[in-house]
Amino acid sequence: MTTAELNAPVTTVKTYLRPIDANGLANFAAAGKVNPARRGTNKVHTVMEGQYRSLSHVGDKHCVVVDEPLHLFGQDTAPAPGEIVLSGLGGCIAVGVTAVATWKGVKLSRLEVFLEGDIGNPAAWGAGGALEMMPPQMGFQEVRVKVLVEGDAPREVLEEIVQHANYYSPVANTIRNPVPFKISMA
């Protein structure tokens, strides 16, 4: 190598994640300011195939397959329901981080969400297991989330973005807060 090549400045090429439409986000946010009570409705139609494998039809285009692992009498062909819940939470947090970063003008180069949830089923889904169990004792007892995020902002700003996204996450707030729940025969 020549002296000029050795003394040449080092450049780092950084690629960023595909951005969202910042103007569309701003318009969506403005509509929320005008009507804070605005709500959307998510609809899913779940059909049981057999054993514990089910297909949840989401709109006209998407299908989510759910199963249980072999030790819980499923076929282990797809994620378990609790894993789907954590997947929804991870997706929601990732969406929130992306939206808040866009709002703050931060370009992200990496975003990964790691989730764990401690869940028990001693009541065997109510099929004769620990019948003295109360609803607060069943389901997730703790959920832990770690976010790995990199972008063109200092760590403190990225941490602020993550915490802001967490605070406003619809799915995180559904898990954290009691939600009115109704079930009936169709």
Protein backbone atom coordinates (compact mmCIF):
# COMPACT_ATOMS: atom_id res chain seq x y z
CA MET A 1 0.00 0.00 0.00
CA THR A 2 1.13 3.51 -0.67
CA THR A 3 1.43 6.17 2.03
CA ALA A 4 -1.59 7.94 0.54
CA GLU A 5 -3.66 4.77 0.78
CA LEU A 6 -2.58 4.19 4.40
CA ASN A 7 -3.47 7.79 5.34
CA ALA A 8 -6.81 7.83 3.49
CA PRO A 9 -9.80 8.41 5.78
CA VAL A 10 -11.74 5.32 6.74
CA THR A 11 -15.37 5.39 5.71
CA THR A 12 -18.03 3.17 7.15
CA VAL A 13 -20.97 2.29 4.99
CA LYS A 14 -24.15 2.09 7.02
CA THR A 15 -27.45 0.86 5.67
CA TYR A 16 -30.74 1.83 7.25
CA LEU A 17 -33.94 -0.12 7.61
CA ARG A 18 -36.61 0.59 4.99
CA PRO A 19 -38.39 3.73 6.25
CA ILE A 20 -42.10 4.26 6.73
CA ASP A 21 -44.04 7.15 5.19
CA ALA A 22 -43.27 10.06 7.55
CA ASN A 23 -46.03 12.24 6.03
CA GLY A 24 -48.56 9.44 6.36
CA LEU A 25 -47.51 8.96 9.99
CA ALA A 26 -47.90 12.71 10.65
CA ASN A 27 -51.40 12.68 9.11
CA PHE A 28 -52.37 9.61 11.16
CA ALA A 29 -51.10 11.33 14.33
CA ALA A 30 -52.97 14.53 13.47
CA ALA A 31 -56.21 12.55 13.04
CA GLY A 32 -55.63 11.05 16.51
CA LYS A 33 -55.22 14.53 17.99
CA VAL A 34 -58.48 15.68 16.43
CA ASN A 35 -60.37 12.58 17.61
CA PRO A 36 -58.62 10.88 20.57
CA ALA A 37 -61.58 8.51 21.04
CA ARG A 38 -61.15 7.05 17.52
CA ARG A 39 -60.94 3.24 17.54
CA GLY A 40 -60.24 0.54 15.01
CA THR A 41 -61.49 -3.03 15.20
CA ASN A 42 -59.31 -6.08 14.61
CA LYS A 43 -61.21 -9.16 13.48
CA VAL A 44 -60.01 -12.76 13.43
CA HIS A 45 -61.89 -15.98 12.62
CA THR A 46 -60.30 -19.10 14.15
CA VAL A 47 -61.11 -22.62 12.90
CA MET A 48 -59.89 -25.70 14.74
CA GLU A 49 -58.34 -28.38 12.48
CA GLY A 50 -57.88 -31.08 15.09
CA GLN A 51 -55.87 -31.88 18.19
CA TYR A 52 -54.74 -28.35 19.14
CA ARG A 53 -53.91 -27.06 15.65
CA SER A 54 -56.03 -24.10 14.53
CA LEU A 55 -56.04 -21.60 11.68
CA SER A 56 -56.83 -17.99 12.47
CA HIS A 57 -57.96 -16.09 9.40
CA VAL A 58 -56.98 -12.43 9.67
CA GLY A 59 -58.82 -10.40 7.05
CA ASP A 60 -58.93 -11.84 3.54
CA LYS A 61 -55.21 -12.34 3.02
CA HIS A 62 -53.51 -13.71 6.13
CA CYS A 63 -53.65 -16.92 8.13
CA VAL A 64 -51.93 -17.57 11.46
CA VAL A 65 -51.39 -21.21 12.39
CA VAL A 66 -51.40 -22.08 16.09
CA ASP A 67 -50.55 -25.40 17.73
CA GLU A 68 -49.23 -26.75 21.01
CA PRO A 69 -45.95 -28.59 21.56
CA LEU A 70 -45.87 -32.37 21.84
CA HIS A 71 -45.61 -32.33 25.66
CA LEU A 72 -48.93 -30.43 25.72
CA PHE A 73 -50.59 -32.93 23.36
CA GLY A 74 -50.25 -30.85 20.19
CA GLN A 75 -48.45 -31.69 16.96
CA ASP A 76 -45.78 -28.95 17.36
CA THR A 77 -46.41 -27.71 13.80
CA ALA A 78 -46.68 -24.03 14.71
CA PRO A 79 -46.19 -21.59 17.59
CA ALA A 80 -48.26 -22.04 20.75
CA PRO A 81 -50.90 -19.43 21.65
CA GLY A 82 -48.65 -17.77 24.26
CA GLU A 83 -45.85 -17.53 21.70
CA ILE A 84 -48.27 -15.84 19.30
CA VAL A 85 -49.13 -13.32 22.05
CA LEU A 86 -45.43 -12.58 22.54
CA SER A 87 -45.00 -12.31 18.76
CA GLY A 88 -47.79 -9.74 18.65
CA LEU A 89 -46.16 -7.82 21.48
CA GLY A 90 -42.77 -7.91 19.76
CA GLY A 91 -44.29 -6.73 16.49
CA CYS A 92 -46.19 -3.93 18.23
CA ILE A 93 -43.10 -2.70 20.05
CA ALA A 94 -41.09 -2.82 16.81
CA VAL A 95 -43.81 -0.81 15.04
CA GLY A 96 -43.83 1.72 17.88
CA VAL A 97 -40.05 2.12 17.91
CA THR A 98 -40.09 2.60 14.13
CA ALA A 99 -42.89 5.19 14.34
CA VAL A 100 -41.31 7.16 17.20
CA ALA A 101 -37.89 7.09 15.51
CA THR A 102 -39.48 8.40 12.30
CA TRP A 103 -41.30 11.12 14.27
CA LYS A 104 -38.02 12.16 15.89
CA GLY A 105 -36.12 12.05 12.57
CA VAL A 106 -33.89 9.15 13.63
CA LYS A 107 -32.88 6.61 10.98
CA LEU A 108 -32.66 3.06 12.32
CA SER A 109 -30.08 0.59 11.06
CA ARG A 110 -31.04 -2.33 13.34
CA LEU A 111 -34.06 -3.23 15.43
CA GLU A 112 -34.59 -6.54 17.20
CA VAL A 113 -36.97 -7.36 20.04
CA PHE A 114 -36.31 -10.31 22.36
CA LEU A 115 -39.25 -11.52 24.47
CA GLU A 116 -39.74 -14.07 27.23
CA GLY A 117 -42.84 -14.82 29.20
CA ASP A 118 -43.32 -17.13 32.16
CA ILE A 119 -46.59 -18.96 31.68
CA GLY A 120 -48.14 -21.86 33.48
CA ASN A 121 -51.14 -24.04 32.85
CA PRO A 122 -51.68 -26.05 36.05
CA ALA A 123 -55.44 -25.83 35.49
CA ALA A 124 -54.99 -27.84 32.24
CA TRP A 125 -57.14 -25.28 30.38
CA GLY A 126 -59.89 -25.92 32.95
CA ALA A 127 -60.08 -29.62 32.06
CA GLY A 128 -59.73 -30.96 35.59
CA GLY A 129 -56.29 -29.66 36.55
CA ALA A 130 -55.66 -27.37 39.52
CA LEU A 131 -59.29 -26.22 39.79
CA GLU A 132 -58.64 -23.93 42.74
CA MET A 133 -56.63 -21.60 40.47
CA MET A 134 -57.91 -18.04 40.08
CA PRO A 135 -57.58 -16.11 36.78
CA PRO A 136 -54.75 -13.84 38.03
CA GLN A 137 -52.70 -16.97 38.80
CA MET A 138 -53.01 -18.29 35.25
CA GLY A 139 -51.51 -17.01 32.03
CA PHE A 140 -48.36 -14.95 31.85
CA GLN A 141 -46.97 -14.21 35.29
CA GLU A 142 -44.13 -12.05 33.96
CA VAL A 143 -43.09 -10.80 30.53
CA ARG A 144 -39.55 -9.57 29.85
CA VAL A 145 -38.63 -7.57 26.76
CA LYS A 146 -35.21 -6.46 25.56
CA VAL A 147 -34.86 -4.17 22.56
CA LEU A 148 -31.70 -4.02 20.48
CA VAL A 149 -31.80 -0.82 18.44
CA GLU A 150 -29.15 1.02 16.47
CA GLY A 151 -29.44 4.18 14.41
CA ASP A 152 -28.05 7.62 13.74
CA ALA A 153 -28.73 8.89 17.27
CA PRO A 154 -26.95 8.56 20.64
CA ARG A 155 -27.86 5.66 22.94
CA GLU A 156 -29.82 8.01 25.26
CA VAL A 157 -32.09 9.10 22.40
CA LEU A 158 -32.59 5.49 21.30
CA GLU A 159 -33.49 4.56 24.90
CA GLU A 160 -36.00 7.43 24.99
CA ILE A 161 -37.53 6.15 21.74
CA VAL A 162 -37.87 2.61 23.14
CA GLN A 163 -39.48 3.83 26.38
CA HIS A 164 -41.86 6.13 24.48
CA ALA A 165 -42.88 3.27 22.17
CA ASN A 166 -43.40 0.99 25.18
CA TYR A 167 -45.61 3.54 26.95
CA TYR A 168 -47.88 3.94 23.90
CA SER A 169 -47.87 0.31 22.66
CA PRO A 170 -51.47 -0.92 22.28
CA VAL A 171 -50.45 -4.56 22.76
CA ALA A 172 -48.15 -3.84 25.73
CA ASN A 173 -50.96 -1.88 27.35
CA THR A 174 -53.40 -4.72 26.66
CA ILE A 175 -51.08 -7.08 28.54
CA ARG A 176 -50.41 -4.60 31.37
CA ASN A 177 -53.97 -3.44 31.97
CA PRO A 178 -57.26 -5.24 32.59
CA VAL A 179 -59.44 -5.14 29.48
CA PRO A 180 -63.22 -5.72 29.43
CA PHE A 181 -63.64 -9.20 27.99
CA LYS A 182 -66.87 -10.79 26.76
CA ILE A 183 -67.38 -14.33 25.49
CA SER A 184 -70.63 -15.91 24.32
CA MET A 185 -71.98 -18.65 22.12
CA ALA A 186 -72.19 -17.72 18.41
